[in-house]
PDB file of all heavy atoms in Angstrom:
ATOM      1  N   ASP A   1     -15.967  -6.935   4.065  1.00  0.00           N
ATOM      2  CA  ASP A   1     -15.719  -5.939   5.112  1.00  0.00           C
ATOM      3  C   ASP A   1     -14.573  -6.386   6.028  1.00  0.00           C
ATOM      4  O   ASP A   1     -13.726  -5.579   6.415  1.00  0.00           O
ATOM      5  CB  ASP A   1     -16.989  -5.708   5.942  1.00  0.00           C
ATOM      6  CG  ASP A   1     -18.069  -4.985   5.156  1.00  0.00           C
ATOM      7  OD1 ASP A   1     -17.732  -4.379   4.124  1.00  0.00           O
ATOM      8  OD2 ASP A   1     -19.244  -5.050   5.563  1.00  0.00           O
ATOM      9  N   HIS A   2     -14.571  -7.666   6.372  1.00  0.00           N
ATOM     10  CA  HIS A   2     -13.538  -8.189   7.269  1.00  0.00           C
ATOM     11  C   HIS A   2     -12.161  -8.146   6.606  1.00  0.00           C
ATOM     12  O   HIS A   2     -11.154  -7.828   7.263  1.00  0.00           O
ATOM     13  CB  HIS A   2     -13.876  -9.618   7.680  1.00  0.00           C
ATOM     14  CG  HIS A   2     -12.902 -10.210   8.656  1.00  0.00           C
ATOM     15  ND1 HIS A   2     -12.850  -9.815   9.984  1.00  0.00           N
ATOM     16  CD2 HIS A   2     -11.928 -11.145   8.506  1.00  0.00           C
ATOM     17  CE1 HIS A   2     -11.888 -10.475  10.598  1.00  0.00           C
ATOM     18  NE2 HIS A   2     -11.307 -11.292   9.729  1.00  0.00           N
ATOM     19  N   LEU A   3     -12.109  -8.441   5.310  1.00  0.00           N
ATOM     20  CA  LEU A   3     -10.839  -8.395   4.596  1.00  0.00           C
ATOM     21  C   LEU A   3     -10.264  -6.977   4.575  1.00  0.00           C
ATOM     22  O   LEU A   3      -9.060  -6.776   4.766  1.00  0.00           O
ATOM     23  CB  LEU A   3     -11.024  -8.907   3.163  1.00  0.00           C
ATOM     24  CG  LEU A   3     -11.221 -10.424   2.997  1.00  0.00           C
ATOM     25  CD1 LEU A   3     -11.566 -10.754   1.556  1.00  0.00           C
ATOM     26  CD2 LEU A   3      -9.977 -11.175   3.441  1.00  0.00           C
ATOM     27  N   ILE A   4     -11.138  -6.004   4.355  1.00  0.00           N
ATOM     28  CA  ILE A   4     -10.690  -4.600   4.336  1.00  0.00           C
ATOM     29  C   ILE A   4     -10.193  -4.172   5.712  1.00  0.00           C
ATOM     30  O   ILE A   4      -9.133  -3.548   5.847  1.00  0.00           O
ATOM     31  CB  ILE A   4     -11.828  -3.688   3.860  1.00  0.00           C
ATOM     32  CG1 ILE A   4     -12.152  -3.975   2.385  1.00  0.00           C
ATOM     33  CG2 ILE A   4     -11.454  -2.217   4.031  1.00  0.00           C
ATOM     34  CD1 ILE A   4     -13.378  -3.258   1.870  1.00  0.00           C
ATOM     35  N   ASP A   5     -10.966  -4.543   6.757  1.00  0.00           N
ATOM     36  CA  ASP A   5     -10.561  -4.188   8.118  1.00  0.00           C
ATOM     37  C   ASP A   5      -9.238  -4.855   8.494  1.00  0.00           C
ATOM     38  O   ASP A   5      -8.372  -4.242   9.137  1.00  0.00           O
ATOM     39  CB  ASP A   5     -11.657  -4.594   9.118  1.00  0.00           C
ATOM     40  CG  ASP A   5     -12.916  -3.748   8.960  1.00  0.00           C
ATOM     41  OD1 ASP A   5     -12.817  -2.654   8.371  1.00  0.00           O
ATOM     42  OD2 ASP A   5     -13.979  -4.191   9.423  1.00  0.00           O
ATOM     43  N   SER A   6      -9.090  -6.110   8.106  1.00  0.00           N
ATOM     44  CA  SER A   6      -7.857  -6.841   8.417  1.00  0.00           C
ATOM     45  C   SER A   6      -6.665  -6.243   7.675  1.00  0.00           C
ATOM     46  O   SER A   6      -5.563  -6.150   8.218  1.00  0.00           O
ATOM     47  CB  SER A   6      -8.012  -8.318   8.039  1.00  0.00           C
ATOM     48  OG  SER A   6      -9.042  -8.924   8.772  1.00  0.00           O
ATOM     49  N   PHE A   7      -6.895  -5.832   6.441  1.00  0.00           N
ATOM     50  CA  PHE A   7      -5.829  -5.263   5.627  1.00  0.00           C
ATOM     51  C   PHE A   7      -5.282  -3.992   6.269  1.00  0.00           C
ATOM     52  O   PHE A   7      -4.073  -3.835   6.468  1.00  0.00           O
ATOM     53  CB  PHE A   7      -6.354  -4.966   4.224  1.00  0.00           C
ATOM     54  CG  PHE A   7      -5.359  -4.290   3.328  1.00  0.00           C
ATOM     55  CD1 PHE A   7      -4.353  -5.015   2.706  1.00  0.00           C
ATOM     56  CD2 PHE A   7      -5.423  -2.922   3.099  1.00  0.00           C
ATOM     57  CE1 PHE A   7      -3.435  -4.386   1.877  1.00  0.00           C
ATOM     58  CE2 PHE A   7      -4.513  -2.289   2.277  1.00  0.00           C
ATOM     59  CZ  PHE A   7      -3.513  -3.027   1.660  1.00  0.00           C
ATOM     60  N   TYR A   8      -6.180  -3.061   6.608  1.00  0.00           N
ATOM     61  CA  TYR A   8      -5.734  -1.799   7.194  1.00  0.00           C
ATOM     62  C   TYR A   8      -5.351  -1.940   8.666  1.00  0.00           C
ATOM     63  O   TYR A   8      -4.715  -1.052   9.232  1.00  0.00           O
ATOM     64  CB  TYR A   8      -6.825  -0.738   7.043  1.00  0.00           C
ATOM     65  CG  TYR A   8      -6.932  -0.191   5.637  1.00  0.00           C
ATOM     66  CD1 TYR A   8      -7.977  -0.587   4.802  1.00  0.00           C
ATOM     67  CD2 TYR A   8      -5.994   0.692   5.140  1.00  0.00           C
ATOM     68  CE1 TYR A   8      -8.077  -0.094   3.505  1.00  0.00           C
ATOM     69  CE2 TYR A   8      -6.082   1.193   3.851  1.00  0.00           C
ATOM     70  CZ  TYR A   8      -7.122   0.794   3.038  1.00  0.00           C
ATOM     71  OH  TYR A   8      -7.215   1.274   1.751  1.00  0.00           O
ATOM     72  N   GLY A   9      -5.755  -3.057   9.281  1.00  0.00           N
ATOM     73  CA  GLY A   9      -5.444  -3.252  10.696  1.00  0.00           C
ATOM     74  C   GLY A   9      -4.057  -3.797  10.950  1.00  0.00           C
ATOM     75  O   GLY A   9      -3.595  -3.830  12.098  1.00  0.00           O
ATOM     76  N   GLU A  10      -3.352  -4.228   9.896  1.00  0.00           N
ATOM     77  CA  GLU A  10      -1.999  -4.753  10.078  1.00  0.00           C
ATOM     78  C   GLU A  10      -1.034  -3.624  10.484  1.00  0.00           C
ATOM     79  O   GLU A  10      -1.141  -2.501   9.981  1.00  0.00           O
ATOM     80  CB  GLU A  10      -1.513  -5.413   8.788  1.00  0.00           C
ATOM     81  CG  GLU A  10      -2.214  -6.714   8.462  1.00  0.00           C
ATOM     82  CD  GLU A  10      -1.597  -7.406   7.261  1.00  0.00           C
ATOM     83  OE1 GLU A  10      -0.488  -6.991   6.842  1.00  0.00           O
ATOM     84  OE2 GLU A  10      -2.215  -8.357   6.740  1.00  0.00           O
ATOM     85  N   PRO A  11      -0.096  -3.913  11.371  1.00  0.00           N
ATOM     86  CA  PRO A  11       0.866  -2.886  11.830  1.00  0.00           C
ATOM     87  C   PRO A  11       1.653  -2.294  10.662  1.00  0.00           C
ATOM     88  O   PRO A  11       2.188  -3.016   9.824  1.00  0.00           O
ATOM     89  CB  PRO A  11       1.795  -3.665  12.773  1.00  0.00           C
ATOM     90  CG  PRO A  11       0.984  -4.846  13.214  1.00  0.00           C
ATOM     91  CD  PRO A  11       0.114  -5.203  12.064  1.00  0.00           C
ATOM     92  N   GLY A  12       1.695  -0.990  10.611  1.00  0.00           N
ATOM     93  CA  GLY A  12       2.459  -0.287   9.585  1.00  0.00           C
ATOM     94  C   GLY A  12       1.771  -0.195   8.229  1.00  0.00           C
ATOM     95  O   GLY A  12       2.331   0.402   7.297  1.00  0.00           O
ATOM     96  N   ARG A  13       0.577  -0.774   8.108  1.00  0.00           N
ATOM     97  CA  ARG A  13      -0.092  -0.787   6.807  1.00  0.00           C
ATOM     98  C   ARG A  13      -0.501   0.613   6.366  1.00  0.00           C
ATOM     99  O   ARG A  13      -0.283   0.993   5.207  1.00  0.00           O
ATOM    100  CB  ARG A  13      -1.325  -1.686   6.872  1.00  0.00           C
ATOM    101  CG  ARG A  13      -2.115  -1.737   5.556  1.00  0.00           C
ATOM    102  CD  ARG A  13      -1.301  -2.367   4.456  1.00  0.00           C
ATOM    103  NE  ARG A  13      -1.204  -3.804   4.629  1.00  0.00           N
ATOM    104  CZ  ARG A  13      -0.440  -4.582   3.900  1.00  0.00           C
ATOM    105  NH1 ARG A  13       0.360  -4.043   2.982  1.00  0.00           N
ATOM    106  NH2 ARG A  13      -0.413  -5.886   4.104  1.00  0.00           N
ATOM    107  N   LYS A  14      -1.083   1.399   7.251  1.00  0.00           N
ATOM    108  CA  LYS A  14      -1.537   2.739   6.873  1.00  0.00           C
ATOM    109  C   LYS A  14      -0.356   3.627   6.471  1.00  0.00           C
ATOM    110  O   LYS A  14      -0.463   4.440   5.552  1.00  0.00           O
ATOM    111  CB  LYS A  14      -2.325   3.372   8.024  1.00  0.00           C
ATOM    112  CG  LYS A  14      -3.672   2.699   8.282  1.00  0.00           C
ATOM    113  CD  LYS A  14      -4.448   3.398   9.381  1.00  0.00           C
ATOM    114  CE  LYS A  14      -5.793   2.732   9.592  1.00  0.00           C
ATOM    115  NZ  LYS A  14      -6.577   3.376  10.683  1.00  0.00           N
ATOM    116  N   GLN A  15       0.775   3.462   7.175  1.00  0.00           N
ATOM    117  CA  GLN A  15       1.967   4.243   6.828  1.00  0.00           C
ATOM    118  C   GLN A  15       2.489   3.840   5.449  1.00  0.00           C
ATOM    119  O   GLN A  15       2.886   4.681   4.645  1.00  0.00           O
ATOM    120  CB  GLN A  15       3.057   4.023   7.884  1.00  0.00           C
ATOM    121  CG  GLN A  15       4.325   4.845   7.617  1.00  0.00           C
ATOM    122  CD  GLN A  15       5.400   4.593   8.667  1.00  0.00           C
ATOM    123  OE1 GLN A  15       5.152   3.891   9.648  1.00  0.00           O
ATOM    124  NE2 GLN A  15       6.576   5.155   8.449  1.00  0.00           N
ATOM    125  N   GLN A  16       2.444   2.533   5.159  1.00  0.00           N
ATOM    126  CA  GLN A  16       2.887   2.045   3.862  1.00  0.00           C
ATOM    127  C   GLN A  16       2.006   2.596   2.742  1.00  0.00           C
ATOM    128  O   GLN A  16       2.503   3.016   1.694  1.00  0.00           O
ATOM    129  CB  GLN A  16       2.858   0.516   3.838  1.00  0.00           C
ATOM    130  CG  GLN A  16       3.430  -0.090   2.555  1.00  0.00           C
ATOM    131  CD  GLN A  16       3.253  -1.591   2.502  1.00  0.00           C
ATOM    132  OE1 GLN A  16       2.469  -2.156   3.250  1.00  0.00           O
ATOM    133  NE2 GLN A  16       3.991  -2.240   1.601  1.00  0.00           N
ATOM    134  N   VAL A  17       0.708   2.613   2.980  1.00  0.00           N
ATOM    135  CA  VAL A  17      -0.227   3.153   1.994  1.00  0.00           C
ATOM    136  C   VAL A  17       0.044   4.633   1.758  1.00  0.00           C
ATOM    137  O   VAL A  17       0.041   5.119   0.620  1.00  0.00           O
ATOM    138  CB  VAL A  17      -1.694   2.937   2.448  1.00  0.00           C
ATOM    139  CG1 VAL A  17      -2.662   3.692   1.547  1.00  0.00           C
ATOM    140  CG2 VAL A  17      -2.040   1.455   2.446  1.00  0.00           C
ATOM    141  N   SER A  18       0.295   5.360   2.851  1.00  0.00           N
ATOM    142  CA  SER A  18       0.563   6.790   2.744  1.00  0.00           C
ATOM    143  C   SER A  18       1.846   7.063   1.947  1.00  0.00           C
ATOM    144  O   SER A  18       1.898   7.979   1.120  1.00  0.00           O
ATOM    145  CB  SER A  18       0.668   7.400   4.148  1.00  0.00           C
ATOM    146  OG  SER A  18       0.952   8.784   4.071  1.00  0.00           O
ATOM    147  N   GLU A  19       2.883   6.247   2.197  1.00  0.00           N
ATOM    148  CA  GLU A  19       4.145   6.430   1.475  1.00  0.00           C
ATOM    149  C   GLU A  19       3.990   6.143  -0.019  1.00  0.00           C
ATOM    150  O   GLU A  19       4.506   6.868  -0.872  1.00  0.00           O
ATOM    151  CB  GLU A  19       5.218   5.514   2.075  1.00  0.00           C
ATOM    152  CG  GLU A  19       5.655   5.925   3.475  1.00  0.00           C
ATOM    153  CD  GLU A  19       6.589   4.912   4.110  1.00  0.00           C
ATOM    154  OE1 GLU A  19       6.810   3.848   3.477  1.00  0.00           O
ATOM    155  OE2 GLU A  19       7.085   5.160   5.227  1.00  0.00           O
ATOM    156  N   LEU A  20       3.237   5.086  -0.335  1.00  0.00           N
ATOM    157  CA  LEU A  20       3.012   4.748  -1.743  1.00  0.00           C
ATOM    158  C   LEU A  20       2.158   5.793  -2.432  1.00  0.00           C
ATOM    159  O   LEU A  20       2.337   6.084  -3.612  1.00  0.00           O
ATOM    160  CB  LEU A  20       2.349   3.373  -1.839  1.00  0.00           C
ATOM    161  CG  LEU A  20       3.261   2.175  -1.534  1.00  0.00           C
ATOM    162  CD1 LEU A  20       2.454   0.891  -1.460  1.00  0.00           C
ATOM    163  CD2 LEU A  20       4.349   2.049  -2.599  1.00  0.00           C
ATOM    164  N   GLU A  21       1.246   6.378  -1.678  1.00  0.00           N
ATOM    165  CA  GLU A  21       0.418   7.453  -2.236  1.00  0.00           C
ATOM    166  C   GLU A  21       1.291   8.640  -2.634  1.00  0.00           C
ATOM    167  O   GLU A  21       1.089   9.258  -3.685  1.00  0.00           O
ATOM    168  CB  GLU A  21      -0.641   7.900  -1.219  1.00  0.00           C
ATOM    169  CG  GLU A  21      -1.562   8.991  -1.745  1.00  0.00           C
ATOM    170  CD  GLU A  21      -2.550   9.469  -0.689  1.00  0.00           C
ATOM    171  OE1 GLU A  21      -2.656   8.824   0.372  1.00  0.00           O
ATOM    172  OE2 GLU A  21      -3.205  10.494  -0.935  1.00  0.00           O
ATOM    173  N   GLY A  22       2.281   8.961  -1.786  1.00  0.00           N
ATOM    174  CA  GLY A  22       3.204  10.047  -2.106  1.00  0.00           C
ATOM    175  C   GLY A  22       4.011   9.762  -3.361  1.00  0.00           C
ATOM    176  O   GLY A  22       4.236  10.655  -4.189  1.00  0.00           O
ATOM    177  N   LYS A  23       4.445   8.497  -3.524  1.00  0.00           N
ATOM    178  CA  LYS A  23       5.189   8.118  -4.733  1.00  0.00           C
ATOM    179  C   LYS A  23       4.309   8.193  -5.977  1.00  0.00           C
ATOM    180  O   LYS A  23       4.779   8.564  -7.060  1.00  0.00           O
ATOM    181  CB  LYS A  23       5.749   6.710  -4.574  1.00  0.00           C
ATOM    182  CG  LYS A  23       6.858   6.593  -3.534  1.00  0.00           C
ATOM    183  CD  LYS A  23       7.386   5.167  -3.459  1.00  0.00           C
ATOM    184  CE  LYS A  23       8.508   5.042  -2.429  1.00  0.00           C
ATOM    185  NZ  LYS A  23       9.015   3.659  -2.350  1.00  0.00           N
ATOM    186  N   LEU A  24       3.034   7.845  -5.808  1.00  0.00           N
ATOM    187  CA  LEU A  24       2.105   7.919  -6.936  1.00  0.00           C
ATOM    188  C   LEU A  24       1.926   9.354  -7.420  1.00  0.00           C
ATOM    189  O   LEU A  24       1.958   9.641  -8.616  1.00  0.00           O
ATOM    190  CB  LEU A  24       0.734   7.347  -6.538  1.00  0.00           C
ATOM    191  CG  LEU A  24       0.574   5.831  -6.546  1.00  0.00           C
ATOM    192  CD1 LEU A  24      -0.755   5.439  -5.918  1.00  0.00           C
ATOM    193  CD2 LEU A  24       0.654   5.298  -7.966  1.00  0.00           C
ATOM    194  N   LEU A  25       1.755  10.250  -6.449  1.00  0.00           N
ATOM    195  CA  LEU A  25       1.506  11.655  -6.790  1.00  0.00           C
ATOM    196  C   LEU A  25       2.739  12.332  -7.384  1.00  0.00           C
ATOM    197  O   LEU A  25       2.617  13.341  -8.080  1.00  0.00           O
ATOM    198  CB  LEU A  25       1.021  12.410  -5.547  1.00  0.00           C
ATOM    199  CG  LEU A  25      -0.310  11.919  -4.949  1.00  0.00           C
ATOM    200  CD1 LEU A  25      -0.664  12.711  -3.703  1.00  0.00           C
ATOM    201  CD2 LEU A  25      -1.439  12.043  -5.986  1.00  0.00           C
ATOM    202  N   SER A  26       3.921  11.784  -7.089  1.00  0.00           N
ATOM    203  CA  SER A  26       5.157  12.349  -7.656  1.00  0.00           C
ATOM    204  C   SER A  26       5.641  11.543  -8.865  1.00  0.00           C
ATOM    205  O   SER A  26       6.787  11.690  -9.287  1.00  0.00           O
ATOM    206  CB  SER A  26       6.246  12.399  -6.581  1.00  0.00           C
ATOM    207  OG  SER A  26       6.509  11.102  -6.072  1.00  0.00           O
ATOM    208  N   ASP A  27       4.770  10.684  -9.378  1.00  0.00           N
ATOM    209  CA  ASP A  27       5.048   9.886 -10.581  1.00  0.00           C
ATOM    210  C   ASP A  27       6.280   8.996 -10.437  1.00  0.00           C
ATOM    211  O   ASP A  27       7.016   8.758 -11.395  1.00  0.00           O
ATOM    212  CB  ASP A  27       5.219  10.800 -11.809  1.00  0.00           C
ATOM    213  CG  ASP A  27       3.944  11.561 -12.146  1.00  0.00           C
ATOM    214  OD1 ASP A  27       2.857  10.979 -11.924  1.00  0.00           O
ATOM    215  OD2 ASP A  27       4.033  12.708 -12.611  1.00  0.00           O
ATOM    216  N   GLN A  28       6.551   8.500  -9.246  1.00  0.00           N
ATOM    217  CA  GLN A  28       7.674   7.600  -9.024  1.00  0.00           C
ATOM    218  C   GLN A  28       7.296   6.131  -9.217  1.00  0.00           C
ATOM    219  O   GLN A  28       8.160   5.266  -9.291  1.00  0.00           O
ATOM    220  CB  GLN A  28       8.231   7.788  -7.604  1.00  0.00           C
ATOM    221  CG  GLN A  28       8.789   9.172  -7.334  1.00  0.00           C
ATOM    222  CD  GLN A  28       9.304   9.294  -5.910  1.00  0.00           C
ATOM    223  OE1 GLN A  28       9.845   8.340  -5.360  1.00  0.00           O
ATOM    224  NE2 GLN A  28       9.157  10.469  -5.316  1.00  0.00           N
ATOM    225  N   ILE A  29       5.964   5.872  -9.258  1.00  0.00           N
ATOM    226  CA  ILE A  29       5.491   4.499  -9.357  1.00  0.00           C
ATOM    227  C   ILE A  29       4.109   4.496 -10.000  1.00  0.00           C
ATOM    228  O   ILE A  29       3.380   5.493  -9.944  1.00  0.00           O
ATOM    229  CB  ILE A  29       5.441   3.847  -7.946  1.00  0.00           C
ATOM    230  CG1 ILE A  29       5.255   2.327  -8.061  1.00  0.00           C
ATOM    231  CG2 ILE A  29       4.352   4.474  -7.099  1.00  0.00           C
ATOM    232  CD1 ILE A  29       5.361   1.616  -6.715  1.00  0.00           C
ATOM    233  N   THR A  30       3.768   3.389 -10.643  1.00  0.00           N
ATOM    234  CA  THR A  30       2.439   3.276 -11.238  1.00  0.00           C
ATOM    235  C   THR A  30       1.451   2.743 -10.195  1.00  0.00           C
ATOM    236  O   THR A  30       1.854   2.193  -9.160  1.00  0.00           O
ATOM    237  CB  THR A  30       2.456   2.316 -12.434  1.00  0.00           C
ATOM    238  OG1 THR A  30       2.793   0.996 -11.971  1.00  0.00           O
ATOM    239  CG2 THR A  30       3.464   2.778 -13.486  1.00  0.00           C
ATOM    240  N   VAL A  31       0.171   2.889 -10.462  1.00  0.00           N
ATOM    241  CA  VAL A  31      -0.856   2.392  -9.539  1.00  0.00           C
ATOM    242  C   VAL A  31      -0.746   0.878  -9.391  1.00  0.00           C
ATOM    243  O   VAL A  31      -0.811   0.333  -8.282  1.00  0.00           O
ATOM    244  CB  VAL A  31      -2.263   2.786 -10.039  1.00  0.00           C
ATOM    245  CG1 VAL A  31      -3.335   2.139  -9.172  1.00  0.00           C
ATOM    246  CG2 VAL A  31      -2.432   4.298 -10.034  1.00  0.00           C
ATOM    247  N   THR A  32      -0.569   0.191 -10.523  1.00  0.00           N
ATOM    248  CA  THR A  32      -0.434  -1.267 -10.477  1.00  0.00           C
ATOM    249  C   THR A  32       0.780  -1.687  -9.651  1.00  0.00           C
ATOM    250  O   THR A  32       0.717  -2.630  -8.843  1.00  0.00           O
ATOM    251  CB  THR A  32      -0.305  -1.839 -11.906  1.00  0.00           C
ATOM    252  OG1 THR A  32      -1.442  -1.425 -12.677  1.00  0.00           O
ATOM    253  CG2 THR A  32      -0.240  -3.356 -11.876  1.00  0.00           C
ATOM    254  N   GLY A  33       1.907  -0.969  -9.826  1.00  0.00           N
ATOM    255  CA  GLY A  33       3.111  -1.270  -9.064  1.00  0.00           C
ATOM    256  C   GLY A  33       2.927  -1.027  -7.578  1.00  0.00           C
ATOM    257  O   GLY A  33       3.432  -1.792  -6.747  1.00  0.00           O
ATOM    258  N   ALA A  34       2.185   0.036  -7.232  1.00  0.00           N
ATOM    259  CA  ALA A  34       1.943   0.355  -5.826  1.00  0.00           C
ATOM    260  C   ALA A  34       1.092  -0.721  -5.163  1.00  0.00           C
ATOM    261  O   ALA A  34       1.378  -1.164  -4.041  1.00  0.00           O
ATOM    262  CB  ALA A  34       1.261   1.717  -5.707  1.00  0.00           C
ATOM    263  N   VAL A  35       0.057  -1.158  -5.871  1.00  0.00           N
ATOM    264  CA  VAL A  35      -0.812  -2.207  -5.327  1.00  0.00           C
ATOM    265  C   VAL A  35      -0.031  -3.511  -5.171  1.00  0.00           C
ATOM    266  O   VAL A  35      -0.190  -4.234  -4.182  1.00  0.00           O
ATOM    267  CB  VAL A  35      -2.039  -2.409  -6.234  1.00  0.00           C
ATOM    268  CG1 VAL A  35      -2.862  -3.608  -5.767  1.00  0.00           C
ATOM    269  CG2 VAL A  35      -2.911  -1.156  -6.245  1.00  0.00           C
ATOM    270  N   LYS A  36       0.834  -3.810  -6.145  1.00  0.00           N
ATOM    271  CA  LYS A  36       1.634  -5.035  -6.070  1.00  0.00           C
ATOM    272  C   LYS A  36       2.538  -5.014  -4.841  1.00  0.00           C
ATOM    273  O   LYS A  36       2.719  -6.030  -4.165  1.00  0.00           O
ATOM    274  CB  LYS A  36       2.471  -5.187  -7.341  1.00  0.00           C
ATOM    275  CG  LYS A  36       3.234  -6.518  -7.436  1.00  0.00           C
ATOM    276  CD  LYS A  36       3.962  -6.611  -8.759  1.00  0.00           C
ATOM    277  CE  LYS A  36       4.670  -7.969  -8.882  1.00  0.00           C
ATOM    278  NZ  LYS A  36       5.635  -8.196  -7.811  1.00  0.00           N
ATOM    279  N   GLN A  37       3.108  -3.841  -4.540  1.00  0.00           N
ATOM    280  CA  GLN A  37       3.965  -3.724  -3.357  1.00  0.00           C
ATOM    281  C   GLN A  37       3.175  -3.950  -2.065  1.00  0.00           C
ATOM    282  O   GLN A  37       3.676  -4.528  -1.111  1.00  0.00           O
ATOM    283  CB  GLN A  37       4.632  -2.348  -3.315  1.00  0.00           C
ATOM    284  CG  GLN A  37       5.830  -2.222  -4.244  1.00  0.00           C
ATOM    285  CD  GLN A  37       6.661  -0.981  -3.924  1.00  0.00           C
ATOM    286  OE1 GLN A  37       6.715  -0.544  -2.777  1.00  0.00           O
ATOM    287  NE2 GLN A  37       7.303  -0.428  -4.946  1.00  0.00           N
ATOM    288  N   LEU A  38       1.911  -3.483  -2.049  1.00  0.00           N
ATOM    289  CA  LEU A  38       1.088  -3.651  -0.855  1.00  0.00           C
ATOM    290  C   LEU A  38       0.842  -5.117  -0.545  1.00  0.00           C
ATOM    291  O   LEU A  38       0.764  -5.510   0.623  1.00  0.00           O
ATOM    292  CB  LEU A  38      -0.254  -2.924  -1.030  1.00  0.00           C
ATOM    293  CG  LEU A  38      -0.253  -1.399  -0.888  1.00  0.00           C
ATOM    294  CD1 LEU A  38      -1.604  -0.831  -1.231  1.00  0.00           C
ATOM    295  CD2 LEU A  38       0.139  -0.999   0.525  1.00  0.00           C
ATOM    296  N   PHE A  39       0.707  -5.920  -1.582  1.00  0.00           N
ATOM    297  CA  PHE A  39       0.388  -7.328  -1.383  1.00  0.00           C
ATOM    298  C   PHE A  39       1.595  -8.254  -1.534  1.00  0.00           C
ATOM    299  O   PHE A  39       1.456  -9.464  -1.425  1.00  0.00           O
ATOM    300  CB  PHE A  39      -0.711  -7.756  -2.368  1.00  0.00           C
ATOM    301  CG  PHE A  39      -2.053  -7.150  -2.053  1.00  0.00           C
ATOM    302  CD1 PHE A  39      -2.459  -5.965  -2.638  1.00  0.00           C
ATOM    303  CD2 PHE A  39      -2.908  -7.776  -1.134  1.00  0.00           C
ATOM    304  CE1 PHE A  39      -3.695  -5.404  -2.340  1.00  0.00           C
ATOM    305  CE2 PHE A  39      -4.142  -7.216  -0.833  1.00  0.00           C
ATOM    306  CZ  PHE A  39      -4.528  -6.037  -1.427  1.00  0.00           C
ATOM    307  N   ASP A  40       2.760  -7.673  -1.772  1.00  0.00           N
ATOM    308  CA  ASP A  40       3.974  -8.462  -1.875  1.00  0.00           C
ATOM    309  C   ASP A  40       4.552  -8.669  -0.480  1.00  0.00           C
ATOM    310  O   ASP A  40       4.975  -7.726   0.184  1.00  0.00           O
ATOM    311  CB  ASP A  40       4.996  -7.753  -2.767  1.00  0.00           C
ATOM    312  CG  ASP A  40       6.214  -8.623  -3.049  1.00  0.00           C
ATOM    313  OD1 ASP A  40       6.273  -9.742  -2.511  1.00  0.00           O
ATOM    314  OD2 ASP A  40       7.092  -8.174  -3.821  1.00  0.00           O
ATOM    315  N   LYS A  41       4.577  -9.899  -0.009  1.00  0.00           N
ATOM    316  CA  LYS A  41       5.022 -10.189   1.363  1.00  0.00           C
ATOM    317  C   LYS A  41       6.471  -9.807   1.596  1.00  0.00           C
ATOM    318  O   LYS A  41       6.874  -9.424   2.679  1.00  0.00           O
ATOM    319  CB  LYS A  41       4.825 -11.677   1.655  1.00  0.00           C
ATOM    320  CG  LYS A  41       3.371 -12.106   1.686  1.00  0.00           C
ATOM    321  CD  LYS A  41       3.243 -13.585   2.028  1.00  0.00           C
ATOM    322  CE  LYS A  41       1.769 -14.003   2.058  1.00  0.00           C
ATOM    323  NZ  LYS A  41       1.619 -15.453   2.365  1.00  0.00           N
ATOM    324  N   GLN A  42       7.293  -9.881   0.538  1.00  0.00           N
ATOM    325  CA  GLN A  42       8.708  -9.581   0.710  1.00  0.00           C
ATOM    326  C   GLN A  42       8.962  -8.106   0.918  1.00  0.00           C
ATOM    327  O   GLN A  42      10.006  -7.728   1.445  1.00  0.00           O
ATOM    328  CB  GLN A  42       9.486 -10.076  -0.517  1.00  0.00           C
ATOM    329  CG  GLN A  42       9.470 -11.583  -0.706  1.00  0.00           C
ATOM    330  CD  GLN A  42      10.251 -12.020  -1.917  1.00  0.00           C
ATOM    331  OE1 GLN A  42      10.742 -11.182  -2.682  1.00  0.00           O
ATOM    332  NE2 GLN A  42      10.370 -13.332  -2.114  1.00  0.00           N
ATOM    333  N   SER A  43       8.001  -7.252   0.507  1.00  0.00           N
ATOM    334  CA  SER A  43       8.204  -5.805   0.659  1.00  0.00           C
ATOM    335  C   SER A  43       7.780  -5.290   2.015  1.00  0.00           C
ATOM    336  O   SER A  43       7.951  -4.131   2.318  1.00  0.00           O
ATOM    337  CB  SER A  43       7.411  -5.066  -0.442  1.00  0.00           C
ATOM    338  OG  SER A  43       6.016  -5.257  -0.255  1.00  0.00           O
TER     339      SER A  43
END
């Protein structure tokens, strides 16, 4: 529970998730690629 709260509590995280969701729905990225971007510190 704490990991989930911490993940979504980071600044800009919800916006990043929303943007990746839009790319997923428009077939611009795969689910695996989207998740990798979420956890990639350089992105």
